[in-house]
PDB file of N, CA and C in Angstrom:
ATOM      1  N   UNK A   1     140.793  87.008 114.920  1.00  0.00           N
ATOM      2  CA  UNK A   1     139.948  86.584 114.384  1.00  0.00           C
ATOM      3  C   UNK A   1     138.651  87.147 114.743  1.00  0.00           C
ATOM      4  N   UNK A   2     136.983  87.206 114.418  1.00  0.00           N
ATOM      5  CA  UNK A   2     135.906  87.376 114.710  1.00  0.00           C
ATOM      6  C   UNK A   2     135.805  86.401 116.287  1.00  0.00           C
ATOM      7  N   UNK A   3     134.293  86.618 116.603  1.00  0.00           N
ATOM      8  CA  UNK A   3     133.565  86.465 117.624  1.00  0.00           C
ATOM      9  C   UNK A   3     133.487  84.855 117.396  1.00  0.00           C
ATOM     10  N   UNK A   4     133.380  84.485 118.902  1.00  0.00           N
ATOM     11  CA  UNK A   4     132.900  82.837 118.495  1.00  0.00           C
ATOM     12  C   UNK A   4     131.776  82.242 118.095  1.00  0.00           C
ATOM     13  N   UNK A   5     130.726  83.498 118.084  1.00  0.00           N
ATOM     14  CA  UNK A   5     129.574  83.259 117.927  1.00  0.00           C
ATOM     15  C   UNK A   5     129.847  83.681 115.980  1.00  0.00           C
ATOM     16  N   UNK A   6     130.392  84.727 115.674  1.00  0.00           N
ATOM     17  CA  UNK A   6     130.714  84.385 114.487  1.00  0.00           C
ATOM     18  C   UNK A   6     131.456  83.174 113.701  1.00  0.00           C
ATOM     19  N   UNK A   7     132.282  83.034 114.056  1.00  0.00           N
ATOM     20  CA  UNK A   7     132.663  81.614 113.879  1.00  0.00           C
ATOM     21  C   UNK A   7     131.870  79.980 113.772  1.00  0.00           C
ATOM     22  N   UNK A   8     131.274  80.099 114.574  1.00  0.00           N
ATOM     23  CA  UNK A   8     130.235  79.419 114.592  1.00  0.00           C
ATOM     24  C   UNK A   8     129.048  79.194 113.201  1.00  0.00           C
ATOM     25  N   UNK A   9     129.022  80.766 113.143  1.00  0.00           N
ATOM     26  CA  UNK A   9     127.907  80.797 112.291  1.00  0.00           C
ATOM     27  C   UNK A   9     128.546  80.762 110.935  1.00  0.00           C
ATOM     28  N   UNK A  10     129.503  80.949 110.424  1.00  0.00           N
ATOM     29  CA  UNK A  10     130.242  80.559 109.518  1.00  0.00           C
ATOM     30  C   UNK A  10     130.444  79.077 109.317  1.00  0.00           C
ATOM     31  N   UNK A  11     130.846  78.490 110.426  1.00  0.00           N
ATOM     32  CA  UNK A  11     130.817  77.052 110.307  1.00  0.00           C
ATOM     33  C   UNK A  11     129.663  76.416 109.752  1.00  0.00           C
ATOM     34  N   UNK A  12     128.981  76.820 110.089  1.00  0.00           N
ATOM     35  CA  UNK A  12     127.619  76.088 109.916  1.00  0.00           C
ATOM     36  C   UNK A  12     126.986  76.012 109.264  1.00  0.00           C
ATOM     37  N   UNK A  13     127.396  77.293 108.268  1.00  0.00           N
ATOM     38  CA  UNK A  13     126.937  77.519 106.628  1.00  0.00           C
ATOM     39  C   UNK A  13     127.912  77.355 105.866  1.00  0.00           C
ATOM     40  N   UNK A  14     129.003  76.440 106.057  1.00  0.00           N
ATOM     41  CA  UNK A  14     129.828  75.876 105.548  1.00  0.00           C
ATOM     42  C   UNK A  14     129.544  74.323 105.269  1.00  0.00           C
ATOM     43  N   UNK A  15     129.190  74.174 106.732  1.00  0.00           N
ATOM     44  CA  UNK A  15     128.657  72.326 106.675  1.00  0.00           C
ATOM     45  C   UNK A  15     127.408  72.528 105.815  1.00  0.00           C
ATOM     46  N   UNK A  16     126.304  73.511 105.897  1.00  0.00           N
ATOM     47  CA  UNK A  16     125.157  73.137 104.934  1.00  0.00           C
ATOM     48  C   UNK A  16     125.642  73.415 103.526  1.00  0.00           C
ATOM     49  N   UNK A  17     126.418  73.967 103.241  1.00  0.00           N
ATOM     50  CA  UNK A  17     126.710  73.993 101.805  1.00  0.00           C
ATOM     51  C   UNK A  17     127.777  73.171 101.105  1.00  0.00           C
ATOM     52  N   UNK A  18     128.200  72.415 101.949  1.00  0.00           N
ATOM     53  CA  UNK A  18     128.949  71.201 101.484  1.00  0.00           C
ATOM     54  C   UNK A  18     127.671  70.044 101.657  1.00  0.00           C
ATOM     55  N   UNK A  19     126.884  69.798 102.339  1.00  0.00           N
ATOM     56  CA  UNK A  19     125.989  69.085 102.083  1.00  0.00           C
ATOM     57  C   UNK A  19     125.080  68.863 100.942  1.00  0.00           C
ATOM     58  N   UNK A  20     124.753  70.695 100.575  1.00  0.00           N
ATOM     59  CA  UNK A  20     124.190  70.632  99.329  1.00  0.00           C
ATOM     60  C   UNK A  20     125.010  70.380  97.764  1.00  0.00           C
ATOM     61  N   UNK A  21     126.186  70.647  98.300  1.00  0.00           N
ATOM     62  CA  UNK A  21     126.937  70.110  97.009  1.00  0.00           C
ATOM     63  C   UNK A  21     127.158  68.627  97.007  1.00  0.00           C
ATOM     64  N   UNK A  22     127.087  68.103  97.726  1.00  0.00           N
ATOM     65  CA  UNK A  22     127.429  66.622  98.002  1.00  0.00           C
ATOM     66  C   UNK A  22     126.518  65.787  97.410  1.00  0.00           C
ATOM     67  N   UNK A  23     125.193  66.517  97.511  1.00  0.00           N
ATOM     68  CA  UNK A  23     123.705  65.978  97.317  1.00  0.00           C
ATOM     69  C   UNK A  23     123.146  66.876  95.680  1.00  0.00           C
ATOM     70  N   UNK A  24     124.104  67.438  95.363  1.00  0.00           N
ATOM     71  CA  UNK A  24     124.310  68.241  93.867  1.00  0.00           C
ATOM     72  C   UNK A  24     122.721  69.019  94.075  1.00  0.00           C
ATOM     73  N   UNK A  25     122.371  69.698  95.134  1.00  0.00           N
ATOM     74  CA  UNK A  25     121.394  70.890  94.802  1.00  0.00           C
ATOM     75  C   UNK A  25     122.328  72.135  94.795  1.00  0.00           C
ATOM     76  N   UNK A  26     123.724  72.561  94.885  1.00  0.00           N
ATOM     77  CA  UNK A  26     123.940  73.405  94.309  1.00  0.00           C
ATOM     78  C   UNK A  26     125.253  73.523  93.315  1.00  0.00           C
ATOM     79  N   UNK A  27     125.064  74.009  92.336  1.00  0.00           N
ATOM     80  CA  UNK A  27     126.159  74.135  91.121  1.00  0.00           C
ATOM     81  C   UNK A  27     127.203  75.369  91.434  1.00  0.00           C
ATOM     82  N   UNK A  28     128.436  74.665  91.000  1.00  0.00           N
ATOM     83  CA  UNK A  28     129.643  75.744  91.156  1.00  0.00           C
ATOM     84  C   UNK A  28     129.442  77.311  90.941  1.00  0.00           C
ATOM     85  N   UNK A  29     128.565  77.262  90.153  1.00  0.00           N
ATOM     86  CA  UNK A  29     127.753  78.684  89.499  1.00  0.00           C
ATOM     87  C   UNK A  29     126.783  79.762  90.552  1.00  0.00           C
ATOM     88  N   UNK A  30     126.356  78.483  91.043  1.00  0.00           N
ATOM     89  CA  UNK A  30     125.356  79.379  91.870  1.00  0.00           C
ATOM     90  C   UNK A  30     125.871  79.423  93.369  1.00  0.00           C
ATOM     91  N   UNK A  31     126.760  78.898  93.358  1.00  0.00           N
ATOM     92  CA  UNK A  31     127.959  78.829  95.005  1.00  0.00           C
ATOM     93  C   UNK A  31     127.943  80.279  95.767  1.00  0.00           C
ATOM     94  N   UNK A  32     128.593  81.265  95.071  1.00  0.00           N
ATOM     95  CA  UNK A  32     127.938  82.556  95.977  1.00  0.00           C
ATOM     96  C   UNK A  32     126.893  83.147  96.289  1.00  0.00           C
ATOM     97  N   UNK A  33     125.929  82.876  95.415  1.00  0.00           N
ATOM     98  CA  UNK A  33     124.357  83.818  95.847  1.00  0.00           C
ATOM     99  C   UNK A  33     123.960  82.590  97.058  1.00  0.00           C
ATOM    100  N   UNK A  34     124.138  81.093  96.896  1.00  0.00           N
ATOM    101  CA  UNK A  34     123.842  80.351  97.458  1.00  0.00           C
ATOM    102  C   UNK A  34     124.316  80.667  98.948  1.00  0.00           C
ATOM    103  N   UNK A  35     125.869  80.534  99.256  1.00  0.00           N
ATOM    104  CA  UNK A  35     125.896  80.808 100.552  1.00  0.00           C
ATOM    105  C   UNK A  35     125.831  81.787 100.996  1.00  0.00           C
ATOM    106  N   UNK A  36     125.722  83.290 100.507  1.00  0.00           N
ATOM    107  CA  UNK A  36     125.777  84.007 101.342  1.00  0.00           C
ATOM    108  C   UNK A  36     123.871  84.194 101.559  1.00  0.00           C
ATOM    109  N   UNK A  37     123.276  83.592 100.966  1.00  0.00           N
ATOM    110  CA  UNK A  37     121.438  82.959 101.487  1.00  0.00           C
ATOM    111  C   UNK A  37     121.824  82.644 102.667  1.00  0.00           C
ATOM    112  N   UNK A  38     122.525  81.036 102.717  1.00  0.00           N
ATOM    113  CA  UNK A  38     122.403  80.452 103.459  1.00  0.00           C
ATOM    114  C   UNK A  38     123.362  81.445 104.753  1.00  0.00           C
ATOM    115  N   UNK A  39     124.377  81.589 104.991  1.00  0.00           N
ATOM    116  CA  UNK A  39     125.191  82.534 105.860  1.00  0.00           C
ATOM    117  C   UNK A  39     124.288  83.730 106.261  1.00  0.00           C
ATOM    118  N   UNK A  40     123.574  84.319 105.545  1.00  0.00           N
ATOM    119  CA  UNK A  40     122.893  85.390 105.777  1.00  0.00           C
ATOM    120  C   UNK A  40     121.348  84.983 107.079  1.00  0.00           C
ATOM    121  N   UNK A  41     120.800  84.202 106.481  1.00  0.00           N
ATOM    122  CA  UNK A  41     119.677  83.309 107.416  1.00  0.00           C
ATOM    123  C   UNK A  41     120.505  82.851 108.864  1.00  0.00           C
ATOM    124  N   UNK A  42     121.390  82.371 108.808  1.00  0.00           N
ATOM    125  CA  UNK A  42     121.655  81.679 109.852  1.00  0.00           C
ATOM    126  C   UNK A  42     121.737  82.580 110.538  1.00  0.00           C
ATOM    127  N   UNK A  43     122.942  83.515 110.289  1.00  0.00           N
ATOM    128  CA  UNK A  43     123.131  85.134 111.029  1.00  0.00           C
ATOM    129  C   UNK A  43     121.641  85.570 111.777  1.00  0.00           C
ATOM    130  N   UNK A  44     120.836  85.999 110.991  1.00  0.00           N
ATOM    131  CA  UNK A  44     119.414  86.797 111.565  1.00  0.00           C
ATOM    132  C   UNK A  44     119.098  85.973 112.544  1.00  0.00           C
ATOM    133  N   UNK A  45     118.639  84.521 112.154  1.00  0.00           N
ATOM    134  CA  UNK A  45     118.470  83.678 113.394  1.00  0.00           C
ATOM    135  C   UNK A  45     119.181  84.102 114.602  1.00  0.00           C
ATOM    136  N   UNK A  46     120.414  83.726 114.764  1.00  0.00           N
ATOM    137  CA  UNK A  46     121.183  84.102 115.576  1.00  0.00           C
ATOM    138  C   UNK A  46     121.041  85.429 116.220  1.00  0.00           C
ATOM    139  N   UNK A  47     121.514  86.023 115.574  1.00  0.00           N
ATOM    140  CA  UNK A  47     121.373  87.509 115.824  1.00  0.00           C
ATOM    141  C   UNK A  47     120.695  88.594 115.636  1.00  0.00           C
ATOM    142  N   UNK A  48     119.550  87.944 115.352  1.00  0.00           N
ATOM    143  CA  UNK A  48     118.570  88.730 114.991  1.00  0.00           C
ATOM    144  C   UNK A  48     118.504  89.621 112.931  1.00  0.00           C
ATOM    145  N   UNK A  49     117.680  90.416 112.982  1.00  0.00           N
ATOM    146  CA  UNK A  49     117.964  91.008 111.719  1.00  0.00           C
ATOM    147  C   UNK A  49     118.697  92.592 112.274  1.00  0.00           C
ATOM    148  N   UNK A  50     119.256  92.872 110.945  1.00  0.00           N
ATOM    149  CA  UNK A  50     120.058  94.466 111.434  1.00  0.00           C
ATOM    150  C   UNK A  50     119.318  95.342 111.414  1.00  0.00           C
ATOM    151  N   UNK A  51     119.779  96.493 112.332  1.00  0.00           N
ATOM    152  CA  UNK A  51     119.309  97.488 112.961  1.00  0.00           C
ATOM    153  C   UNK A  51     118.558  98.260 111.951  1.00  0.00           C
ATOM    154  N   UNK A  52     117.518  98.247 112.298  1.00  0.00           N
ATOM    155  CA  UNK A  52     116.153  99.358 111.071  1.00  0.00           C
ATOM    156  C   UNK A  52     115.813  98.117 110.189  1.00  0.00           C
ATOM    157  N   UNK A  53     115.827  97.154 110.073  1.00  0.00           N
ATOM    158  CA  UNK A  53     115.345  96.091 109.446  1.00  0.00           C
ATOM    159  C   UNK A  53     113.929  95.118 110.100  1.00  0.00           C
ATOM    160  N   UNK A  54     113.356  95.138 109.146  1.00  0.00           N
ATOM    161  CA  UNK A  54     112.177  94.299 109.802  1.00  0.00           C
ATOM    162  C   UNK A  54     111.941  92.920 108.945  1.00  0.00           C
ATOM    163  N   UNK A  55     111.955  91.572 110.266  1.00  0.00           N
ATOM    164  CA  UNK A  55     112.090  90.861 109.383  1.00  0.00           C
ATOM    165  C   UNK A  55     110.959  90.425 109.296  1.00  0.00           C
ATOM    166  N   UNK A  56     110.560  88.930 108.749  1.00  0.00           N
ATOM    167  CA  UNK A  56     109.232  88.630 107.754  1.00  0.00           C
ATOM    168  C   UNK A  56     108.518  88.512 108.530  1.00  0.00           C
ATOM    169  N   UNK A  57     108.759  88.023 109.594  1.00  0.00           N
ATOM    170  CA  UNK A  57     107.874  86.966 110.763  1.00  0.00           C
ATOM    171  C   UNK A  57     107.661  88.224 111.595  1.00  0.00           C
ATOM    172  N   UNK A  58     107.790  89.312 111.559  1.00  0.00           N
ATOM    173  CA  UNK A  58     107.429  90.719 112.383  1.00  0.00           C
ATOM    174  C   UNK A  58     106.809  91.850 111.688  1.00  0.00           C
ATOM    175  N   UNK A  59     105.903  91.526 110.725  1.00  0.00           N
ATOM    176  CA  UNK A  59     105.641  92.906 110.237  1.00  0.00           C
ATOM    177  C   UNK A  59     104.751  93.691 110.702  1.00  0.00           C
ATOM    178  N   UNK A  60     105.051  94.854 109.891  1.00  0.00           N
ATOM    179  CA  UNK A  60     104.995  96.135 110.686  1.00  0.00           C
ATOM    180  C   UNK A  60     103.124  96.143 110.863  1.00  0.00           C
ATOM    181  N   UNK A  61     102.998  97.079 111.968  1.00  0.00           N
ATOM    182  CA  UNK A  61     101.413  97.034 112.691  1.00  0.00           C
ATOM    183  C   UNK A  61     100.561  97.822 111.427  1.00  0.00           C
ATOM    184  N   UNK A  62      99.538  97.539 111.157  1.00  0.00           N
ATOM    185  CA  UNK A  62      98.803  98.503 110.291  1.00  0.00           C
ATOM    186  C   UNK A  62      98.725  99.951 110.947  1.00  0.00           C
ATOM    187  N   UNK A  63      98.744 100.850 110.179  1.00  0.00           N
ATOM    188  CA  UNK A  63      98.519 102.275 110.618  1.00  0.00           C
ATOM    189  C   UNK A  63      97.278 102.431 111.208  1.00  0.00           C
ATOM    190  N   UNK A  64      96.716 103.097 112.640  1.00  0.00           N
ATOM    191  CA  UNK A  64      95.323 103.225 112.885  1.00  0.00           C
ATOM    192  C   UNK A  64      94.621 104.605 112.569  1.00  0.00           C
ATOM    193  N   UNK A  65      93.408 104.503 112.113  1.00  0.00           N
ATOM    194  CA  UNK A  65      93.019 105.346 111.519  1.00  0.00           C
ATOM    195  C   UNK A  65      91.876 106.164 112.358  1.00  0.00           C
ATOM    196  N   UNK A  66      92.157 107.569 112.439  1.00  0.00           N
ATOM    197  CA  UNK A  66      91.283 108.490 113.414  1.00  0.00           C
ATOM    198  C   UNK A  66      90.115 108.450 113.315  1.00  0.00           C
TER     199      UNK A  66
END
């Protein structure tokens, strides 16, 4: 299977989505999109954004005018 980190990310995302389902915050029709959003947020927090992608926390520096 995947690495230990990947397994921990999946486990965390599953725990969060289960809590959302139990509290009625996620419907079955919204599950796929919500799970992907949660998983991606955890993965980017743990591993950082994918190569070449700028995160929202680190906006690009404005260009300097000569």
